Structures are given as structure tokens and as C-alpha cells.
PDB file of N, CA and C in Angstrom:
ATOM      1  N   MET A   1      -2.284 -10.125   7.558  1.00  0.00           N
ATOM      2  CA  MET A   1      -1.963  -9.817   6.183  1.00  0.00           C
ATOM      3  C   MET A   1      -0.636 -10.502   5.856  1.00  0.00           C
ATOM      4  N   ASN A   2      -0.590 -11.141   4.697  1.00  0.00           N
ATOM      5  CA  ASN A   2       0.639 -11.839   4.322  1.00  0.00           C
ATOM      6  C   ASN A   2       1.384 -11.075   3.219  1.00  0.00           C
ATOM      7  N   ARG A   3       2.492 -11.640   2.808  1.00  0.00           N
ATOM      8  CA  ARG A   3       3.378 -10.987   1.842  1.00  0.00           C
ATOM      9  C   ARG A   3       2.678 -10.739   0.509  1.00  0.00           C
ATOM     10  N   ASP A   4       1.905 -11.712   0.030  1.00  0.00           N
ATOM     11  CA  ASP A   4       1.213 -11.536  -1.245  1.00  0.00           C
ATOM     12  C   ASP A   4       0.206 -10.393  -1.182  1.00  0.00           C
ATOM     13  N   GLU A   5      -0.484 -10.266  -0.076  1.00  0.00           N
ATOM     14  CA  GLU A   5      -1.445  -9.176   0.071  1.00  0.00           C
ATOM     15  C   GLU A   5      -0.724  -7.819   0.045  1.00  0.00           C
ATOM     16  N   LEU A   6       0.382  -7.728   0.768  1.00  0.00           N
ATOM     17  CA  LEU A   6       1.139  -6.469   0.805  1.00  0.00           C
ATOM     18  C   LEU A   6       1.732  -6.122  -0.557  1.00  0.00           C
ATOM     19  N   GLU A   7       2.336  -7.112  -1.200  1.00  0.00           N
ATOM     20  CA  GLU A   7       2.930  -6.863  -2.507  1.00  0.00           C
ATOM     21  C   GLU A   7       1.860  -6.528  -3.538  1.00  0.00           C
ATOM     22  N   GLY A   8       0.690  -7.148  -3.412  1.00  0.00           N
ATOM     23  CA  GLY A   8      -0.404  -6.834  -4.317  1.00  0.00           C
ATOM     24  C   GLY A   8      -0.863  -5.396  -4.169  1.00  0.00           C
ATOM     25  N   LYS A   9      -0.985  -4.945  -2.934  1.00  0.00           N
ATOM     26  CA  LYS A   9      -1.370  -3.544  -2.697  1.00  0.00           C
ATOM     27  C   LYS A   9      -0.311  -2.591  -3.248  1.00  0.00           C
ATOM     28  N   GLU A  10       0.953  -2.956  -3.068  1.00  0.00           N
ATOM     29  CA  GLU A  10       2.048  -2.131  -3.586  1.00  0.00           C
ATOM     30  C   GLU A  10       1.985  -2.042  -5.105  1.00  0.00           C
ATOM     31  N   GLU A  11       1.729  -3.166  -5.743  1.00  0.00           N
ATOM     32  CA  GLU A  11       1.649  -3.207  -7.212  1.00  0.00           C
ATOM     33  C   GLU A  11       0.466  -2.383  -7.716  1.00  0.00           C
ATOM     34  N   GLN A  12      -0.651  -2.425  -6.987  1.00  0.00           N
ATOM     35  CA  GLN A  12      -1.809  -1.620  -7.365  1.00  0.00           C
ATOM     36  C   GLN A  12      -1.485  -0.135  -7.289  1.00  0.00           C
ATOM     37  N   LEU A  13      -0.809   0.260  -6.224  1.00  0.00           N
ATOM     38  CA  LEU A  13      -0.430   1.662  -6.062  1.00  0.00           C
ATOM     39  C   LEU A  13       0.512   2.097  -7.174  1.00  0.00           C
ATOM     40  N   LYS A  14       1.483   1.254  -7.479  1.00  0.00           N
ATOM     41  CA  LYS A  14       2.423   1.559  -8.560  1.00  0.00           C
ATOM     42  C   LYS A  14       1.676   1.729  -9.878  1.00  0.00           C
ATOM     43  N   GLY A  15       0.687   0.871 -10.107  1.00  0.00           N
ATOM     44  CA  GLY A  15      -0.101   0.972 -11.336  1.00  0.00           C
ATOM     45  C   GLY A  15      -0.896   2.258 -11.408  1.00  0.00           C
ATOM     46  N   LYS A  16      -1.468   2.671 -10.284  1.00  0.00           N
ATOM     47  CA  LYS A  16      -2.244   3.919 -10.267  1.00  0.00           C
ATOM     48  C   LYS A  16      -1.343   5.122 -10.526  1.00  0.00           C
ATOM     49  N   VAL A  17      -0.132   5.082  -9.969  1.00  0.00           N
ATOM     50  CA  VAL A  17       0.814   6.175 -10.205  1.00  0.00           C
ATOM     51  C   VAL A  17       1.188   6.223 -11.683  1.00  0.00           C
ATOM     52  N   LYS A  18       1.473   5.079 -12.281  1.00  0.00           N
ATOM     53  CA  LYS A  18       1.821   5.043 -13.703  1.00  0.00           C
ATOM     54  C   LYS A  18       0.672   5.564 -14.566  1.00  0.00           C
ATOM     55  N   GLN A  19      -0.550   5.197 -14.194  1.00  0.00           N
ATOM     56  CA  GLN A  19      -1.698   5.691 -14.946  1.00  0.00           C
ATOM     57  C   GLN A  19      -1.772   7.211 -14.877  1.00  0.00           C
ATOM     58  N   GLY A  20      -1.588   7.743 -13.684  1.00  0.00           N
ATOM     59  CA  GLY A  20      -1.634   9.193 -13.513  1.00  0.00           C
ATOM     60  C   GLY A  20      -0.550   9.898 -14.296  1.00  0.00           C
ATOM     61  N   VAL A  21       0.662   9.371 -14.239  1.00  0.00           N
ATOM     62  CA  VAL A  21       1.774   9.978 -14.978  1.00  0.00           C
ATOM     63  C   VAL A  21       1.514   9.855 -16.472  1.00  0.00           C
ATOM     64  N   GLY A  22       0.997   8.701 -16.889  1.00  0.00           N
ATOM     65  CA  GLY A  22       0.667   8.520 -18.302  1.00  0.00           C
ATOM     66  C   GLY A  22      -0.377   9.511 -18.778  1.00  0.00           C
ATOM     67  N   ASN A  23      -1.359   9.779 -17.939  1.00  0.00           N
ATOM     68  CA  ASN A  23      -2.386  10.766 -18.293  1.00  0.00           C
ATOM     69  C   ASN A  23      -1.791  12.169 -18.375  1.00  0.00           C
ATOM     70  N   LEU A  24      -0.946  12.510 -17.398  1.00  0.00           N
ATOM     71  CA  LEU A  24      -0.348  13.848 -17.372  1.00  0.00           C
ATOM     72  C   LEU A  24       0.584  14.097 -18.557  1.00  0.00           C
ATOM     73  N   THR A  25       1.311  13.074 -18.945  1.00  0.00           N
ATOM     74  CA  THR A  25       2.291  13.228 -20.020  1.00  0.00           C
ATOM     75  C   THR A  25       1.732  12.831 -21.379  1.00  0.00           C
ATOM     76  N   ASN A  26       0.458  12.478 -21.415  1.00  0.00           N
ATOM     77  CA  ASN A  26      -0.174  12.049 -22.666  1.00  0.00           C
ATOM     78  C   ASN A  26       0.525  10.824 -23.258  1.00  0.00           C
ATOM     79  N   ASP A  27       0.907   9.881 -22.398  1.00  0.00           N
ATOM     80  CA  ASP A  27       1.609   8.664 -22.814  1.00  0.00           C
ATOM     81  C   ASP A  27       0.675   7.473 -22.621  1.00  0.00           C
ATOM     82  N   PRO A  28      -0.025   7.063 -23.682  1.00  0.00           N
ATOM     83  CA  PRO A  28      -0.976   5.963 -23.530  1.00  0.00           C
ATOM     84  C   PRO A  28      -0.316   4.634 -23.167  1.00  0.00           C
ATOM     85  N   ASN A  29       0.931   4.436 -23.584  1.00  0.00           N
ATOM     86  CA  ASN A  29       1.624   3.192 -23.246  1.00  0.00           C
ATOM     87  C   ASN A  29       1.877   3.092 -21.748  1.00  0.00           C
ATOM     88  N   LEU A  30       2.294   4.185 -21.132  1.00  0.00           N
ATOM     89  CA  LEU A  30       2.538   4.197 -19.696  1.00  0.00           C
ATOM     90  C   LEU A  30       1.226   4.010 -18.933  1.00  0.00           C
ATOM     91  N   HIS A  31       0.179   4.652 -19.411  1.00  0.00           N
ATOM     92  CA  HIS A  31      -1.140   4.482 -18.789  1.00  0.00           C
ATOM     93  C   HIS A  31      -1.567   3.020 -18.851  1.00  0.00           C
ATOM     94  N   ASP A  32      -1.424   2.406 -20.013  1.00  0.00           N
ATOM     95  CA  ASP A  32      -1.819   1.004 -20.174  1.00  0.00           C
ATOM     96  C   ASP A  32      -0.965   0.075 -19.313  1.00  0.00           C
ATOM     97  N   GLU A  33       0.310   0.396 -19.185  1.00  0.00           N
ATOM     98  CA  GLU A  33       1.191  -0.385 -18.319  1.00  0.00           C
ATOM     99  C   GLU A  33       0.717  -0.276 -16.868  1.00  0.00           C
ATOM    100  N   GLY A  34       0.274   0.907 -16.485  1.00  0.00           N
ATOM    101  CA  GLY A  34      -0.262   1.110 -15.144  1.00  0.00           C
ATOM    102  C   GLY A  34      -1.517   0.296 -14.897  1.00  0.00           C
ATOM    103  N   VAL A  35      -2.388   0.241 -15.900  1.00  0.00           N
ATOM    104  CA  VAL A  35      -3.610  -0.570 -15.776  1.00  0.00           C
ATOM    105  C   VAL A  35      -3.240  -2.037 -15.574  1.00  0.00           C
ATOM    106  N   ALA A  36      -2.261  -2.508 -16.341  1.00  0.00           N
ATOM    107  CA  ALA A  36      -1.825  -3.904 -16.216  1.00  0.00           C
ATOM    108  C   ALA A  36      -1.223  -4.166 -14.836  1.00  0.00           C
ATOM    109  N   ASP A  37      -0.405  -3.235 -14.348  1.00  0.00           N
ATOM    110  CA  ASP A  37       0.194  -3.392 -13.023  1.00  0.00           C
ATOM    111  C   ASP A  37      -0.878  -3.415 -11.938  1.00  0.00           C
ATOM    112  N   GLU A  38      -1.855  -2.522 -12.062  1.00  0.00           N
ATOM    113  CA  GLU A  38      -2.928  -2.478 -11.066  1.00  0.00           C
ATOM    114  C   GLU A  38      -3.718  -3.777 -11.062  1.00  0.00           C
ATOM    115  N   THR A  39      -4.014  -4.300 -12.235  1.00  0.00           N
ATOM    116  CA  THR A  39      -4.750  -5.563 -12.330  1.00  0.00           C
ATOM    117  C   THR A  39      -3.940  -6.711 -11.749  1.00  0.00           C
ATOM    118  N   ALA A  40      -2.654  -6.760 -12.054  1.00  0.00           N
ATOM    119  CA  ALA A  40      -1.793  -7.813 -11.506  1.00  0.00           C
ATOM    120  C   ALA A  40      -1.746  -7.715  -9.985  1.00  0.00           C
ATOM    121  N   GLY A  41      -1.717  -6.511  -9.473  1.00  0.00           N
ATOM    122  CA  GLY A  41      -1.710  -6.318  -8.028  1.00  0.00           C
ATOM    123  C   GLY A  41      -2.990  -6.817  -7.380  1.00  0.00           C
ATOM    124  N   LYS A  42      -4.121  -6.573  -8.028  1.00  0.00           N
ATOM    125  CA  LYS A  42      -5.396  -7.049  -7.495  1.00  0.00           C
ATOM    126  C   LYS A  42      -5.437  -8.572  -7.464  1.00  0.00           C
ATOM    127  N   VAL A  43      -4.909  -9.192  -8.517  1.00  0.00           N
ATOM    128  CA  VAL A  43      -4.874 -10.658  -8.565  1.00  0.00           C
ATOM    129  C   VAL A  43      -3.981 -11.199  -7.454  1.00  0.00           C
ATOM    130  N   GLN A  44      -2.813 -10.607  -7.282  1.00  0.00           N
ATOM    131  CA  GLN A  44      -1.892 -11.073  -6.247  1.00  0.00           C
ATOM    132  C   GLN A  44      -2.487 -10.879  -4.857  1.00  0.00           C
ATOM    133  N   GLU A  45      -3.143  -9.755  -4.633  1.00  0.00           N
ATOM    134  CA  GLU A  45      -3.759  -9.510  -3.334  1.00  0.00           C
ATOM    135  C   GLU A  45      -4.871 -10.528  -3.067  1.00  0.00           C
ATOM    136  N   THR A  46      -5.682 -10.807  -4.067  1.00  0.00           N
ATOM    137  CA  THR A  46      -6.760 -11.782  -3.917  1.00  0.00           C
ATOM    138  C   THR A  46      -6.197 -13.169  -3.635  1.00  0.00           C
ATOM    139  N   PHE A  47      -5.115 -13.528  -4.318  1.00  0.00           N
ATOM    140  CA  PHE A  47      -4.457 -14.810  -4.064  1.00  0.00           C
ATOM    141  C   PHE A  47      -3.974 -14.872  -2.614  1.00  0.00           C
ATOM    142  N   GLY A  48      -3.382 -13.799  -2.145  1.00  0.00           N
ATOM    143  CA  GLY A  48      -2.897 -13.744  -0.765  1.00  0.00           C
ATOM    144  C   GLY A  48      -4.019 -13.875   0.244  1.00  0.00           C
ATOM    145  N   GLU A  49      -5.141 -13.216  -0.040  1.00  0.00           N
ATOM    146  CA  GLU A  49      -6.299 -13.323   0.856  1.00  0.00           C
ATOM    147  C   GLU A  49      -6.804 -14.765   0.909  1.00  0.00           C
ATOM    148  N   GLY A  50      -6.874 -15.399  -0.243  1.00  0.00           N
ATOM    149  CA  GLY A  50      -7.320 -16.797  -0.284  1.00  0.00           C
ATOM    150  C   GLY A  50      -6.377 -17.702   0.473  1.00  0.00           C
ATOM    151  N   ARG A  51      -5.089 -17.481   0.274  1.00  0.00           N
ATOM    152  CA  ARG A  51      -4.086 -18.303   0.962  1.00  0.00           C
ATOM    153  C   ARG A  51      -4.189 -18.125   2.472  1.00  0.00           C
ATOM    154  N   ARG A  52      -4.411 -16.886   2.914  1.00  0.00           N
ATOM    155  CA  ARG A  52      -4.547 -16.623   4.350  1.00  0.00           C
ATOM    156  C   ARG A  52      -5.793 -17.308   4.906  1.00  0.00           C
ATOM    157  N   LYS A  53      -6.890 -17.248   4.174  1.00  0.00           N
ATOM    158  CA  LYS A  53      -8.137 -17.869   4.637  1.00  0.00           C
ATOM    159  C   LYS A  53      -7.991 -19.383   4.736  1.00  0.00           C
ATOM    160  N   VAL A  54      -7.304 -19.987   3.775  1.00  0.00           N
ATOM    161  CA  VAL A  54      -7.070 -21.433   3.835  1.00  0.00           C
ATOM    162  C   VAL A  54      -6.206 -21.765   5.049  1.00  0.00           C
ATOM    163  N   GLY A  55      -5.172 -20.968   5.276  1.00  0.00           N
ATOM    164  CA  GLY A  55      -4.310 -21.186   6.438  1.00  0.00           C
ATOM    165  C   GLY A  55      -5.072 -21.057   7.746  1.00  0.00           C
ATOM    166  N   ASP A  56      -5.964 -20.060   7.812  1.00  0.00           N
ATOM    167  CA  ASP A  56      -6.777 -19.883   9.016  1.00  0.00           C
ATOM    168  C   ASP A  56      -7.707 -21.072   9.231  1.00  0.00           C
ATOM    169  N   ALA A  57      -8.288 -21.573   8.139  1.00  0.00           N
ATOM    170  CA  ALA A  57      -9.198 -22.716   8.243  1.00  0.00           C
ATOM    171  C   ALA A  57      -8.446 -23.962   8.711  1.00  0.00           C
ATOM    172  N   ILE A  58      -7.264 -24.172   8.187  1.00  0.00           N
ATOM    173  CA  ILE A  58      -6.458 -25.329   8.594  1.00  0.00           C
ATOM    174  C   ILE A  58      -6.091 -25.219  10.068  1.00  0.00           C
ATOM    175  N   LYS A  59      -5.756 -24.013  10.504  1.00  0.00           N
ATOM    176  CA  LYS A  59      -5.426 -23.807  11.916  1.00  0.00           C
ATOM    177  C   LYS A  59      -6.629 -24.111  12.799  1.00  0.00           C
ATOM    178  N   GLU A  60      -7.806 -23.659  12.380  1.00  0.00           N
ATOM    179  CA  GLU A  60      -9.022 -23.932  13.159  1.00  0.00           C
ATOM    180  C   GLU A  60      -9.302 -25.426  13.260  1.00  0.00           C
ATOM    181  N   VAL A  61      -9.101 -26.153  12.163  1.00  0.00           N
ATOM    182  CA  VAL A  61      -9.313 -27.603  12.186  1.00  0.00           C
ATOM    183  C   VAL A  61      -8.309 -28.246  13.127  1.00  0.00           C
ATOM    184  N   GLY A  62      -7.058 -27.801  13.033  1.00  0.00           N
ATOM    185  CA  GLY A  62      -6.024 -28.349  13.937  1.00  0.00           C
ATOM    186  C   GLY A  62      -6.341 -28.069  15.397  1.00  0.00           C
ATOM    187  N   ASP A  63      -6.816 -26.867  15.689  1.00  0.00           N
ATOM    188  CA  ASP A  63      -7.176 -26.525  17.053  1.00  0.00           C
ATOM    189  C   ASP A  63      -8.365 -27.363  17.542  1.00  0.00           C
ATOM    190  N   ALA A  64      -9.312 -27.606  16.650  1.00  0.00           N
ATOM    191  CA  ALA A  64     -10.492 -28.406  17.021  1.00  0.00           C
ATOM    192  C   ALA A  64     -10.100 -29.852  17.290  1.00  0.00           C
ATOM    193  N   ILE A  65      -9.133 -30.359  16.531  1.00  0.00           N
ATOM    194  CA  ILE A  65      -8.687 -31.737  16.716  1.00  0.00           C
ATOM    195  C   ILE A  65      -7.950 -31.874  18.039  1.00  0.00           C
ATOM    196  N   LYS A  66      -7.201 -30.860  18.436  1.00  0.00           N
ATOM    197  CA  LYS A  66      -6.441 -30.912  19.684  1.00  0.00           C
ATOM    198  C   LYS A  66      -7.327 -30.954  20.900  1.00  0.00           C
ATOM    199  N   LYS A  67      -8.553 -30.432  20.783  1.00  0.00           N
ATOM    200  CA  LYS A  67      -9.469 -30.378  21.946  1.00  0.00           C
ATOM    201  C   LYS A  67     -10.082 -31.687  22.225  1.00  0.00           C
TER     202      LYS A  67
END
């Protein structure tokens, strides 16, 4: 797991908390901000996963070339 994946998960959690607080306090703006944070976190996590997979593929090619 890389930094983008971790930060993405953190952002998703922060968004879910904001949504919950927004629901409890009847604050639609806070809820909507939470939805945006959660979505941004999902995008960042997906980017991190893609970056890790590309790095793994490059490593495999390098290892195959060394043999």
C-alpha cells in the first residue's frame, strides 16, 4: 500500500464522519462536503492502486530482463 492509497482511505473516512455529523446536526452543507471528501478519497485511493500496479509491473519486467 502506498501513500496515495492510505491518504485516500483517510479522506474517505473523514468524509463519512462529516456526512454523519451533517446528518445529526441537520447541516446539509456539511453533509455535502463529506460526500465530496469521500469521493475525492476514492479517486485518490484508486490512483494509488493504479500507480502501485504499474510499479509492480515494471519491477516484474525488470526482474524478467535480469534473468
